[in-house]
Amino acid sequence: MTASAVECITVDARDARQRLDRFLAARGTWGSRSQVQRLIAEGYVHLEGQPAKAGTILRSGQRIDVRPAAPPPTAGVEPEAIPLDVLYEDEWLLVINKPAGMVVHPAPGHWRGTLVSALLYHWRAPRPGLDPLRPGIVHRLDKDTSGVLVIAKDADTLAHLATQFRNREVEKQYVACVWGRLRSQSGRIAQPIGRNPVHRKRMAVRAGGRAAVTRFRVLQRGAHLTLLRLFPETGRTHQIRVHLASVGHPIVGDAVYGRARVEGRALIARQALHAERIAFRHPRTGGRVDVSAPWPADILAVQRCCEEVA
């Protein structure tokens, strides 16, 4: 790394005992934590002159060197005229209602039809300072989860929003239909989530996983189904799906963590999970942004099944 291209940071006492990736993401210079982790993995970050690891716990007085990364290849990602259901938009950010079936960012096997391609078309030009493969995407929804999704239009807004998510300052609200009849009107699931040791593409409740908390409230009960409103306090991968499955009430239609059919028929063609609402502090104005997405037709149909299946 050449000295002229490197940003040098000395860890002070108040920043000691943090993970390296969390420390760098909190500074807001290099984007979200996932972007920082990519920088580290690709060798752009050195600690005490040696290639660093994302999970390294920092000590006071250590020197961190960060070299700007070259823009990643776009792997053929092109703008596509995919309509966006815009719920809120201003100069700095965009909130959309993502449809079920849309992949958020491109990956092998999913280079076309993604939210990123839709954003590239919507914006007409690349947004300076944003990762071309994840332009402004602060959080994500699974392919088959619908609902509200926030996108930043510049690196500073992205960093501010990422900090709010990391500090659990963002209010998130979902609706889901689950198998079984919950007896409690409300509750809280606090179970750590980590990678499934056997099925590596899945997550699981397991000792040593990352802390995860999901609150819920019953909206409607049937004999075999329950409609829930959910309030995740953390944002672990597949958190709501894993937590509900762990207490014996998997989401209807979830073929990974539950079952998709009852009595030979499918009630819905995907997991019955919808990101209903999000609220946060506007990174530029400081005002409150509170946005809701209406329930899609297939969620409304499953709601009606709460009584039909009884």
C-alpha atoms as a PDB file:
ATOM      1  CA  MET A   1       0.000   0.000   0.000  1.00  0.00           C
ATOM      2  CA  THR A   2       1.391   3.398  -0.942  1.00  0.00           C
ATOM      3  CA  ALA A   3       1.464   5.992   1.801  1.00  0.00           C
ATOM      4  CA  SER A   4      -0.281   8.649  -0.286  1.00  0.00           C
ATOM      5  CA  ALA A   5      -3.337   6.436  -0.824  1.00  0.00           C
ATOM      6  CA  VAL A   6      -3.668   5.206   2.740  1.00  0.00           C
ATOM      7  CA  GLU A   7      -5.796   6.614   5.548  1.00  0.00           C
ATOM      8  CA  CYS A   8      -4.092   5.933   8.868  1.00  0.00           C
ATOM      9  CA  ILE A   9      -6.008   5.633  12.139  1.00  0.00           C
ATOM     10  CA  THR A  10      -4.648   5.112  15.645  1.00  0.00           C
ATOM     11  CA  VAL A  11      -7.016   3.332  18.039  1.00  0.00           C
ATOM     12  CA  ASP A  12      -7.548   5.302  21.232  1.00  0.00           C
ATOM     13  CA  ALA A  13      -8.592   3.914  24.603  1.00  0.00           C
ATOM     14  CA  ARG A  14     -12.314   4.602  24.165  1.00  0.00           C
ATOM     15  CA  ASP A  15     -12.409   2.600  20.906  1.00  0.00           C
ATOM     16  CA  ALA A  16     -10.498  -0.391  22.265  1.00  0.00           C
ATOM     17  CA  ARG A  17     -12.294  -3.736  22.644  1.00  0.00           C
ATOM     18  CA  GLN A  18     -14.421  -3.150  19.532  1.00  0.00           C
ATOM     19  CA  ARG A  19     -14.435  -5.407  16.477  1.00  0.00           C
ATOM     20  CA  LEU A  20     -12.452  -3.911  13.619  1.00  0.00           C
ATOM     21  CA  ASP A  21     -15.344  -4.025  11.136  1.00  0.00           C
ATOM     22  CA  ARG A  22     -17.765  -2.339  13.565  1.00  0.00           C
ATOM     23  CA  PHE A  23     -15.201   0.349  14.387  1.00  0.00           C
ATOM     24  CA  LEU A  24     -14.590   1.242  10.730  1.00  0.00           C
ATOM     25  CA  ALA A  25     -18.285   1.132   9.795  1.00  0.00           C
ATOM     26  CA  ALA A  26     -19.142   3.502  12.648  1.00  0.00           C
ATOM     27  CA  ARG A  27     -16.789   6.129  11.212  1.00  0.00           C
ATOM     28  CA  GLY A  28     -19.064   6.423   8.170  1.00  0.00           C
ATOM     29  CA  THR A  29     -16.252   6.841   5.634  1.00  0.00           C
ATOM     30  CA  TRP A  30     -16.383   3.428   3.993  1.00  0.00           C
ATOM     31  CA  GLY A  31     -20.124   2.746   3.887  1.00  0.00           C
ATOM     32  CA  SER A  32     -22.048  -0.001   5.632  1.00  0.00           C
ATOM     33  CA  ARG A  33     -20.565  -2.781   7.719  1.00  0.00           C
ATOM     34  CA  SER A  34     -20.892  -5.255   4.838  1.00  0.00           C
ATOM     35  CA  GLN A  35     -18.928  -2.883   2.597  1.00  0.00           C
ATOM     36  CA  VAL A  36     -16.248  -2.560   5.271  1.00  0.00           C
ATOM     37  CA  GLN A  37     -16.086  -6.335   5.576  1.00  0.00           C
ATOM     38  CA  ARG A  38     -15.555  -6.586   1.828  1.00  0.00           C
ATOM     39  CA  LEU A  39     -12.686  -4.085   2.030  1.00  0.00           C
ATOM     40  CA  ILE A  40     -11.094  -6.154   4.785  1.00  0.00           C
ATOM     41  CA  ALA A  41     -11.592  -9.463   2.962  1.00  0.00           C
ATOM     42  CA  GLU A  42     -10.012  -8.076  -0.188  1.00  0.00           C
ATOM     43  CA  GLY A  43      -6.906  -6.878   1.659  1.00  0.00           C
ATOM     44  CA  TYR A  44      -7.492  -3.135   1.667  1.00  0.00           C
ATOM     45  CA  VAL A  45      -7.231  -2.917   5.466  1.00  0.00           C
ATOM     46  CA  HIS A  46      -4.032  -3.585   7.414  1.00  0.00           C
ATOM     47  CA  LEU A  47      -3.651  -3.701  11.190  1.00  0.00           C
ATOM     48  CA  GLU A  48      -0.146  -3.044  12.514  1.00  0.00           C
ATOM     49  CA  GLY A  49       1.161  -3.529   8.981  1.00  0.00           C
ATOM     50  CA  GLN A  50      -0.471  -6.935   8.446  1.00  0.00           C
ATOM     51  CA  PRO A  51      -3.640  -7.905   6.545  1.00  0.00           C
ATOM     52  CA  ALA A  52      -6.536  -7.589   8.989  1.00  0.00           C
ATOM     53  CA  LYS A  53      -9.510  -9.771   9.884  1.00  0.00           C
ATOM     54  CA  ALA A  54     -12.987  -8.319  10.339  1.00  0.00           C
ATOM     55  CA  GLY A  55     -13.528  -9.832  13.776  1.00  0.00           C
ATOM     56  CA  THR A  56     -10.238  -8.714  15.307  1.00  0.00           C
ATOM     57  CA  ILE A  57     -10.755  -7.038  18.694  1.00  0.00           C
ATOM     58  CA  LEU A  58      -8.896  -3.734  18.748  1.00  0.00           C
ATOM     59  CA  ARG A  59      -6.389  -2.615  21.367  1.00  0.00           C
ATOM     60  CA  SER A  60      -5.481   0.928  22.318  1.00  0.00           C
ATOM     61  CA  GLY A  61      -2.558   2.312  20.310  1.00  0.00           C
ATOM     62  CA  GLN A  62      -2.906  -0.020  17.331  1.00  0.00           C
ATOM     63  CA  ARG A  63      -2.523   1.463  13.843  1.00  0.00           C
ATOM     64  CA  ILE A  64      -5.076   0.782  11.113  1.00  0.00           C
ATOM     65  CA  ASP A  65      -4.267   1.509   7.461  1.00  0.00           C
ATOM     66  CA  VAL A  66      -7.149   1.668   4.961  1.00  0.00           C
ATOM     67  CA  ARG A  67      -6.535   1.911   1.224  1.00  0.00           C
ATOM     68  CA  PRO A  68      -9.418   2.941  -1.065  1.00  0.00           C
ATOM     69  CA  ALA A  69     -10.760  -0.025  -2.992  1.00  0.00           C
ATOM     70  CA  ALA A  70     -11.101  -0.093  -6.737  1.00  0.00           C
ATOM     71  CA  PRO A  71     -14.754  -0.144  -7.839  1.00  0.00           C
ATOM     72  CA  PRO A  72     -15.935  -3.771  -8.033  1.00  0.00           C
ATOM     73  CA  PRO A  73     -16.848  -5.224 -11.431  1.00  0.00           C
ATOM     74  CA  THR A  74     -20.546  -4.916 -12.164  1.00  0.00           C
ATOM     75  CA  ALA A  75     -20.629  -8.445 -13.637  1.00  0.00           C
ATOM     76  CA  GLY A  76     -22.908  -7.317 -16.447  1.00  0.00           C
ATOM     77  CA  VAL A  77     -25.501  -5.675 -14.198  1.00  0.00           C
ATOM     78  CA  GLU A  78     -27.442  -3.289 -16.398  1.00  0.00           C
ATOM     79  CA  PRO A  79     -30.305  -0.852 -15.820  1.00  0.00           C
ATOM     80  CA  GLU A  80     -33.687  -2.479 -16.409  1.00  0.00           C
ATOM     81  CA  ALA A  81     -37.046  -0.767 -16.802  1.00  0.00           C
ATOM     82  CA  ILE A  82     -38.531  -2.505 -13.767  1.00  0.00           C
ATOM     83  CA  PRO A  83     -41.243  -0.388 -12.123  1.00  0.00           C
ATOM     84  CA  LEU A  84     -40.684   0.641  -8.522  1.00  0.00           C
ATOM     85  CA  ASP A  85     -43.541   1.143  -6.077  1.00  0.00           C
ATOM     86  CA  VAL A  86     -42.190   4.317  -4.472  1.00  0.00           C
ATOM     87  CA  LEU A  87     -43.597   5.072  -1.015  1.00  0.00           C
ATOM     88  CA  TYR A  88     -41.306   8.017  -0.203  1.00  0.00           C
ATOM     89  CA  GLU A  89     -38.554   9.854  -2.054  1.00  0.00           C
ATOM     90  CA  ASP A  90     -36.498  13.000  -1.609  1.00  0.00           C
ATOM     91  CA  GLU A  91     -33.037  14.265  -2.549  1.00  0.00           C
ATOM     92  CA  TRP A  92     -31.265  11.894  -0.161  1.00  0.00           C
ATOM     93  CA  LEU A  93     -33.227   8.683   0.158  1.00  0.00           C
ATOM     94  CA  LEU A  94     -35.861   6.422  -1.335  1.00  0.00           C
ATOM     95  CA  VAL A  95     -38.328   4.043   0.328  1.00  0.00           C
ATOM     96  CA  ILE A  96     -40.019   1.430  -1.851  1.00  0.00           C
ATOM     97  CA  ASN A  97     -42.547  -1.365  -1.474  1.00  0.00           C
ATOM     98  CA  LYS A  98     -40.541  -4.372  -2.673  1.00  0.00           C
ATOM     99  CA  PRO A  99     -42.658  -7.064  -4.304  1.00  0.00           C
ATOM    100  CA  ALA A 100     -42.263 -10.700  -3.340  1.00  0.00           C
ATOM    101  CA  GLY A 101     -40.017 -12.536  -5.803  1.00  0.00           C
ATOM    102  CA  MET A 102     -37.589  -9.655  -6.380  1.00  0.00           C
ATOM    103  CA  VAL A 103     -33.950 -10.263  -5.407  1.00  0.00           C
ATOM    104  CA  VAL A 104     -32.452  -7.171  -3.786  1.00  0.00           C
ATOM    105  CA  HIS A 105     -28.879  -7.254  -5.068  1.00  0.00           C
ATOM    106  CA  PRO A 106     -27.254  -9.260  -7.893  1.00  0.00           C
ATOM    107  CA  ALA A 107     -25.460 -12.527  -7.220  1.00  0.00           C
ATOM    108  CA  PRO A 108     -24.559 -15.619  -9.243  1.00  0.00           C
ATOM    109  CA  GLY A 109     -27.782 -16.873 -10.787  1.00  0.00           C
ATOM    110  CA  HIS A 110     -29.559 -13.570 -10.134  1.00  0.00           C
ATOM    111  CA  TRP A 111     -27.934 -10.941 -12.345  1.00  0.00           C
ATOM    112  CA  ARG A 112     -31.196  -9.856 -13.978  1.00  0.00           C
ATOM    113  CA  GLY A 113     -34.465  -8.546 -12.560  1.00  0.00           C
ATOM    114  CA  THR A 114     -32.947  -7.333  -9.298  1.00  0.00           C
ATOM    115  CA  LEU A 115     -33.700  -4.227  -7.292  1.00  0.00           C
ATOM    116  CA  VAL A 116     -30.238  -2.938  -8.208  1.00  0.00           C
ATOM    117  CA  SER A 117     -31.075  -3.065 -11.935  1.00  0.00           C
ATOM    118  CA  ALA A 118     -34.334  -1.244 -11.208  1.00  0.00           C
ATOM    119  CA  LEU A 119     -32.465   1.435  -9.216  1.00  0.00           C
ATOM    120  CA  LEU A 120     -29.892   1.960 -11.963  1.00  0.00           C
ATOM    121  CA  TYR A 121     -32.740   2.630 -14.389  1.00  0.00           C
ATOM    122  CA  HIS A 122     -34.694   4.777 -11.914  1.00  0.00           C
ATOM    123  CA  TRP A 123     -31.661   6.996 -11.195  1.00  0.00           C
ATOM    124  CA  ARG A 124     -30.512   7.179 -14.842  1.00  0.00           C
ATOM    125  CA  ALA A 125     -26.879   7.590 -13.724  1.00  0.00           C
ATOM    126  CA  PRO A 126     -24.532   5.969 -11.144  1.00  0.00           C
ATOM    127  CA  ARG A 127     -24.645   7.512  -7.688  1.00  0.00           C
ATOM    128  CA  PRO A 128     -21.156   8.749  -6.686  1.00  0.00           C
ATOM    129  CA  GLY A 129     -19.549   6.940  -3.773  1.00  0.00           C
ATOM    130  CA  LEU A 130     -21.977   4.005  -3.761  1.00  0.00           C
ATOM    131  CA  ASP A 131     -21.101   0.367  -4.402  1.00  0.00           C
ATOM    132  CA  PRO A 132     -22.380  -0.407  -7.937  1.00  0.00           C
ATOM    133  CA  LEU A 133     -23.527  -3.874  -6.839  1.00  0.00           C
ATOM    134  CA  ARG A 134     -25.354  -2.591  -3.720  1.00  0.00           C
ATOM    135  CA  PRO A 135     -26.058   1.091  -4.449  1.00  0.00           C
ATOM    136  CA  GLY A 136     -27.354   2.640  -1.256  1.00  0.00           C
ATOM    137  CA  ILE A 137     -28.863  -0.558   0.105  1.00  0.00           C
ATOM    138  CA  VAL A 138     -28.708  -0.305   3.905  1.00  0.00           C
ATOM    139  CA  HIS A 139     -30.747  -3.382   4.773  1.00  0.00           C
ATOM    140  CA  ARG A 140     -32.338  -6.154   2.783  1.00  0.00           C
ATOM    141  CA  LEU A 141     -35.430  -8.295   2.530  1.00  0.00           C
ATOM    142  CA  ASP A 142     -35.399 -11.931   1.472  1.00  0.00           C
ATOM    143  CA  LYS A 143     -36.414 -12.570  -2.126  1.00  0.00           C
ATOM    144  CA  ASP A 144     -39.865 -13.822  -1.107  1.00  0.00           C
ATOM    145  CA  THR A 145     -40.523 -11.229   1.598  1.00  0.00           C
ATOM    146  CA  SER A 146     -42.437  -8.156   0.451  1.00  0.00           C
ATOM    147  CA  GLY A 147     -42.645  -4.668   1.895  1.00  0.00           C
ATOM    148  CA  VAL A 148     -40.804  -1.511   2.883  1.00  0.00           C
ATOM    149  CA  LEU A 149     -37.140  -1.144   1.974  1.00  0.00           C
ATOM    150  CA  VAL A 150     -34.957   1.950   2.458  1.00  0.00           C
ATOM    151  CA  ILE A 151     -32.276   3.006  -0.054  1.00  0.00           C
ATOM    152  CA  ALA A 152     -29.768   5.845   0.395  1.00  0.00           C
ATOM    153  CA  LYS A 153     -28.814   8.054  -2.549  1.00  0.00           C
ATOM    154  CA  ASP A 154     -25.317   9.002  -1.368  1.00  0.00           C
ATOM    155  CA  ALA A 155     -22.541   7.627   0.829  1.00  0.00           C
ATOM    156  CA  ASP A 156     -23.138  10.009   3.764  1.00  0.00           C
ATOM    157  CA  THR A 157     -26.833   9.147   3.946  1.00  0.00           C
ATOM    158  CA  LEU A 158     -25.949   5.457   3.702  1.00  0.00           C
ATOM    159  CA  ALA A 159     -23.514   5.735   6.608  1.00  0.00           C
ATOM    160  CA  HIS A 160     -26.026   7.648   8.778  1.00  0.00           C
ATOM    161  CA  LEU A 161     -28.768   5.102   8.124  1.00  0.00           C
ATOM    162  CA  ALA A 162     -26.390   2.197   8.736  1.00  0.00           C
ATOM    163  CA  THR A 163     -25.541   3.688  12.134  1.00  0.00           C
ATOM    164  CA  GLN A 164     -29.236   3.938  13.052  1.00  0.00           C
ATOM    165  CA  PHE A 165     -29.794   0.297  12.105  1.00  0.00           C
ATOM    166  CA  ARG A 166     -26.691  -0.773  14.024  1.00  0.00           C
ATOM    167  CA  ASN A 167     -27.768   1.175  17.127  1.00  0.00           C
ATOM    168  CA  ARG A 168     -31.300  -0.282  16.944  1.00  0.00           C
ATOM    169  CA  GLU A 169     -32.872   3.148  16.477  1.00  0.00           C
ATOM    170  CA  VAL A 170     -34.987   2.060  13.494  1.00  0.00           C
ATOM    171  CA  GLU A 171     -38.546   0.856  14.177  1.00  0.00           C
ATOM    172  CA  LYS A 172     -39.440  -2.158  12.026  1.00  0.00           C
ATOM    173  CA  GLN A 173     -42.844  -3.772  11.847  1.00  0.00           C
ATOM    174  CA  TYR A 174     -43.856  -6.930   9.974  1.00  0.00           C
ATOM    175  CA  VAL A 175     -46.969  -9.022   9.557  1.00  0.00           C
ATOM    176  CA  ALA A 176     -46.869 -12.814   9.202  1.00  0.00           C
ATOM    177  CA  CYS A 177     -49.221 -15.771   9.247  1.00  0.00           C
ATOM    178  CA  VAL A 178     -47.900 -18.808  11.121  1.00  0.00           C
ATOM    179  CA  TRP A 179     -48.930 -22.401  11.584  1.00  0.00           C
ATOM    180  CA  GLY A 180     -50.622 -23.220  14.855  1.00  0.00           C
ATOM    181  CA  ARG A 181     -52.705 -21.332  17.369  1.00  0.00           C
ATOM    182  CA  LEU A 182     -50.629 -19.137  19.682  1.00  0.00           C
ATOM    183  CA  ARG A 183     -52.076 -18.974  23.159  1.00  0.00           C
ATOM    184  CA  SER A 184     -50.254 -15.815  24.271  1.00  0.00           C
ATOM    185  CA  GLN A 185     -51.646 -12.533  23.008  1.00  0.00           C
ATOM    186  CA  SER A 186     -48.138 -11.090  22.876  1.00  0.00           C
ATOM    187  CA  GLY A 187     -44.607 -12.167  23.635  1.00  0.00           C
ATOM    188  CA  ARG A 188     -40.892 -11.817  23.101  1.00  0.00           C
ATOM    189  CA  ILE A 189     -38.496 -14.311  21.534  1.00  0.00           C
ATOM    190  CA  ALA A 190     -34.898 -13.733  22.616  1.00  0.00           C
ATOM    191  CA  GLN A 191     -32.741 -16.507  21.149  1.00  0.00           C
ATOM    192  CA  PRO A 192     -29.261 -16.233  19.572  1.00  0.00           C
ATOM    193  CA  ILE A 193     -29.041 -16.941  15.853  1.00  0.00           C
ATOM    194  CA  GLY A 194     -26.082 -18.389  13.980  1.00  0.00           C
ATOM    195  CA  ARG A 195     -25.256 -20.348  10.853  1.00  0.00           C
ATOM    196  CA  ASN A 196     -26.818 -23.822  10.739  1.00  0.00           C
ATOM    197  CA  PRO A 197     -23.871 -26.210  11.256  1.00  0.00           C
ATOM    198  CA  VAL A 198     -25.263 -28.758   8.774  1.00  0.00           C
ATOM    199  CA  HIS A 199     -27.107 -26.643   6.185  1.00  0.00           C
ATOM    200  CA  ARG A 200     -24.755 -23.715   5.701  1.00  0.00           C
ATOM    201  CA  LYS A 201     -27.220 -21.618   3.698  1.00  0.00           C
ATOM    202  CA  ARG A 202     -29.675 -21.680   6.593  1.00  0.00           C
ATOM    203  CA  MET A 203     -29.666 -20.010   9.989  1.00  0.00           C
ATOM    204  CA  ALA A 204     -30.628 -21.564  13.304  1.00  0.00           C
ATOM    205  CA  VAL A 205     -31.143 -20.787  16.962  1.00  0.00           C
ATOM    206  CA  ARG A 206     -27.907 -21.945  18.547  1.00  0.00           C
ATOM    207  CA  ALA A 207     -25.640 -21.289  21.502  1.00  0.00           C
ATOM    208  CA  GLY A 208     -22.846 -18.931  20.582  1.00  0.00           C
ATOM    209  CA  GLY A 209     -24.928 -17.225  17.894  1.00  0.00           C
ATOM    210  CA  ARG A 210     -25.535 -13.485  17.732  1.00  0.00           C
ATOM    211  CA  ALA A 211     -28.117 -12.000  20.089  1.00  0.00           C
ATOM    212  CA  ALA A 212     -31.522 -11.651  18.440  1.00  0.00           C
ATOM    213  CA  VAL A 213     -34.859 -10.375  19.777  1.00  0.00           C
ATOM    214  CA  THR A 214     -38.298 -10.424  18.147  1.00  0.00           C
ATOM    215  CA  ARG A 215     -41.491  -9.156  19.819  1.00  0.00           C
ATOM    216  CA  PHE A 216     -44.909 -10.218  18.549  1.00  0.00           C
ATOM    217  CA  ARG A 217     -48.597  -9.470  19.005  1.00  0.00           C
ATOM    218  CA  VAL A 218     -51.517 -11.616  17.839  1.00  0.00           C
ATOM    219  CA  LEU A 219     -53.866  -9.974  15.343  1.00  0.00           C
ATOM    220  CA  GLN A 220     -56.150 -12.883  14.517  1.00  0.00           C
ATOM    221  CA  ARG A 221     -56.480 -16.564  15.413  1.00  0.00           C
ATOM    222  CA  GLY A 222     -57.887 -19.527  13.530  1.00  0.00           C
ATOM    223  CA  ALA A 223     -57.944 -23.153  14.582  1.00  0.00           C
ATOM    224  CA  HIS A 224     -54.691 -23.901  12.767  1.00  0.00           C
ATOM    225  CA  LEU A 225     -53.279 -20.493  11.845  1.00  0.00           C
ATOM    226  CA  THR A 226     -52.375 -17.281  13.665  1.00  0.00           C
ATOM    227  CA  LEU A 227     -51.859 -13.853  12.147  1.00  0.00           C
ATOM    228  CA  LEU A 228     -49.105 -11.879  13.897  1.00  0.00           C
ATOM    229  CA  ARG A 229     -47.630  -8.422  13.929  1.00  0.00           C
ATOM    230  CA  LEU A 230     -43.885  -8.579  14.637  1.00  0.00           C
ATOM    231  CA  PHE A 231     -41.332  -6.068  15.881  1.00  0.00           C
ATOM    232  CA  PRO A 232     -37.733  -7.263  15.377  1.00  0.00           C
ATOM    233  CA  GLU A 233     -35.352  -5.401  17.679  1.00  0.00           C
ATOM    234  CA  THR A 234     -32.303  -6.815  15.901  1.00  0.00           C
ATOM    235  CA  GLY A 235     -31.696  -7.561  12.236  1.00  0.00           C
ATOM    236  CA  ARG A 236     -30.163 -11.029  11.927  1.00  0.00           C
ATOM    237  CA  THR A 237     -30.386 -12.982   8.688  1.00  0.00           C
ATOM    238  CA  HIS A 238     -33.776 -14.770   8.465  1.00  0.00           C
ATOM    239  CA  GLN A 239     -34.427 -13.667  12.064  1.00  0.00           C
ATOM    240  CA  ILE A 240     -38.236 -13.649  12.083  1.00  0.00           C
ATOM    241  CA  ARG A 241     -38.470 -16.911  10.119  1.00  0.00           C
ATOM    242  CA  VAL A 242     -35.970 -18.689  12.395  1.00  0.00           C
ATOM    243  CA  HIS A 243     -37.427 -17.356  15.647  1.00  0.00           C
ATOM    244  CA  LEU A 244     -40.993 -18.353  14.792  1.00  0.00           C
ATOM    245  CA  ALA A 245     -39.910 -21.811  13.644  1.00  0.00           C
ATOM    246  CA  SER A 246     -37.913 -22.237  16.872  1.00  0.00           C
ATOM    247  CA  VAL A 247     -41.049 -21.823  19.014  1.00  0.00           C
ATOM    248  CA  GLY A 248     -43.032 -24.299  16.910  1.00  0.00           C
ATOM    249  CA  HIS A 249     -44.936 -21.777  14.771  1.00  0.00           C
ATOM    250  CA  PRO A 250     -43.172 -21.522  11.396  1.00  0.00           C
ATOM    251  CA  ILE A 251     -44.412 -19.041   8.822  1.00  0.00           C
ATOM    252  CA  VAL A 252     -47.002 -20.354   6.386  1.00  0.00           C
ATOM    253  CA  GLY A 253     -45.421 -21.050   3.003  1.00  0.00           C
ATOM    254  CA  ASP A 254     -41.846 -21.082   4.331  1.00  0.00           C
ATOM    255  CA  ALA A 255     -40.363 -24.127   2.577  1.00  0.00           C
ATOM    256  CA  VAL A 256     -36.984 -23.669   4.332  1.00  0.00           C
ATOM    257  CA  TYR A 257     -37.969 -23.302   7.987  1.00  0.00           C
ATOM    258  CA  GLY A 258     -41.526 -24.636   7.937  1.00  0.00           C
ATOM    259  CA  ARG A 259     -43.896 -26.283   5.507  1.00  0.00           C
ATOM    260  CA  ALA A 260     -45.566 -24.878   2.445  1.00  0.00           C
ATOM    261  CA  ARG A 261     -48.790 -26.883   2.223  1.00  0.00           C
ATOM    262  CA  VAL A 262     -51.739 -28.031   4.295  1.00  0.00           C
ATOM    263  CA  GLU A 263     -54.003 -30.888   3.235  1.00  0.00           C
ATOM    264  CA  GLY A 264     -52.308 -30.982  -0.168  1.00  0.00           C
ATOM    265  CA  ARG A 265     -52.873 -27.344  -1.104  1.00  0.00           C
ATOM    266  CA  ALA A 266     -50.639 -24.302  -0.923  1.00  0.00           C
ATOM    267  CA  LEU A 267     -52.097 -21.317   0.897  1.00  0.00           C
ATOM    268  CA  ILE A 268     -49.506 -18.953  -0.558  1.00  0.00           C
ATOM    269  CA  ALA A 269     -46.701 -19.302  -3.118  1.00  0.00           C
ATOM    270  CA  ARG A 270     -44.046 -17.848  -0.770  1.00  0.00           C
ATOM    271  CA  GLN A 271     -43.518 -17.274   2.943  1.00  0.00           C
ATOM    272  CA  ALA A 272     -46.397 -15.213   4.338  1.00  0.00           C
ATOM    273  CA  LEU A 273     -44.162 -12.405   5.609  1.00  0.00           C
ATOM    274  CA  HIS A 274     -44.547  -8.713   4.784  1.00  0.00           C
ATOM    275  CA  ALA A 275     -42.459  -5.748   5.992  1.00  0.00           C
ATOM    276  CA  GLU A 276     -45.368  -3.518   6.891  1.00  0.00           C
ATOM    277  CA  ARG A 277     -43.757  -0.377   8.299  1.00  0.00           C
ATOM    278  CA  ILE A 278     -40.443   1.342   9.005  1.00  0.00           C
ATOM    279  CA  ALA A 279     -39.658   4.517  10.946  1.00  0.00           C
ATOM    280  CA  PHE A 280     -36.330   6.301  11.391  1.00  0.00           C
ATOM    281  CA  ARG A 281     -34.682   9.692  11.803  1.00  0.00           C
ATOM    282  CA  HIS A 282     -33.992  11.474   8.520  1.00  0.00           C
ATOM    283  CA  PRO A 283     -30.177  11.589   8.154  1.00  0.00           C
ATOM    284  CA  ARG A 284     -30.184  15.157   6.788  1.00  0.00           C
ATOM    285  CA  THR A 285     -33.188  16.967   8.265  1.00  0.00           C
ATOM    286  CA  GLY A 286     -33.435  15.130  11.582  1.00  0.00           C
ATOM    287  CA  GLY A 287     -37.188  14.761  11.121  1.00  0.00           C
ATOM    288  CA  ARG A 288     -39.053  11.498  11.574  1.00  0.00           C
ATOM    289  CA  VAL A 289     -39.744   9.389   8.489  1.00  0.00           C
ATOM    290  CA  ASP A 290     -42.548   6.851   9.024  1.00  0.00           C
ATOM    291  CA  VAL A 291     -43.574   4.791   5.992  1.00  0.00           C
ATOM    292  CA  SER A 292     -46.021   1.893   5.620  1.00  0.00           C
ATOM    293  CA  ALA A 293     -46.648  -0.555   2.774  1.00  0.00           C
ATOM    294  CA  PRO A 294     -50.162  -1.948   2.247  1.00  0.00           C
ATOM    295  CA  TRP A 295     -50.659  -5.680   2.580  1.00  0.00           C
ATOM    296  CA  PRO A 296     -50.373  -7.406  -0.797  1.00  0.00           C
ATOM    297  CA  ALA A 297     -53.187  -9.560  -2.160  1.00  0.00           C
ATOM    298  CA  ASP A 298     -51.604 -12.892  -1.220  1.00  0.00           C
ATOM    299  CA  ILE A 299     -51.165 -11.838   2.421  1.00  0.00           C
ATOM    300  CA  LEU A 300     -54.803 -10.709   2.517  1.00  0.00           C
ATOM    301  CA  ALA A 301     -55.814 -14.097   1.092  1.00  0.00           C
ATOM    302  CA  VAL A 302     -53.900 -15.945   3.826  1.00  0.00           C
ATOM    303  CA  GLN A 303     -55.513 -13.701   6.433  1.00  0.00           C
ATOM    304  CA  ARG A 304     -58.911 -14.868   5.223  1.00  0.00           C
ATOM    305  CA  CYS A 305     -57.675 -18.461   5.525  1.00  0.00           C
ATOM    306  CA  CYS A 306     -57.223 -17.992   9.276  1.00  0.00           C
ATOM    307  CA  GLU A 307     -60.937 -18.733   9.562  1.00  0.00           C
ATOM    308  CA  GLU A 308     -61.356 -20.812   6.412  1.00  0.00           C
ATOM    309  CA  VAL A 309     -58.859 -23.453   7.581  1.00  0.00           C
ATOM    310  CA  ALA A 310     -60.298 -23.537  11.116  1.00  0.00           C
END
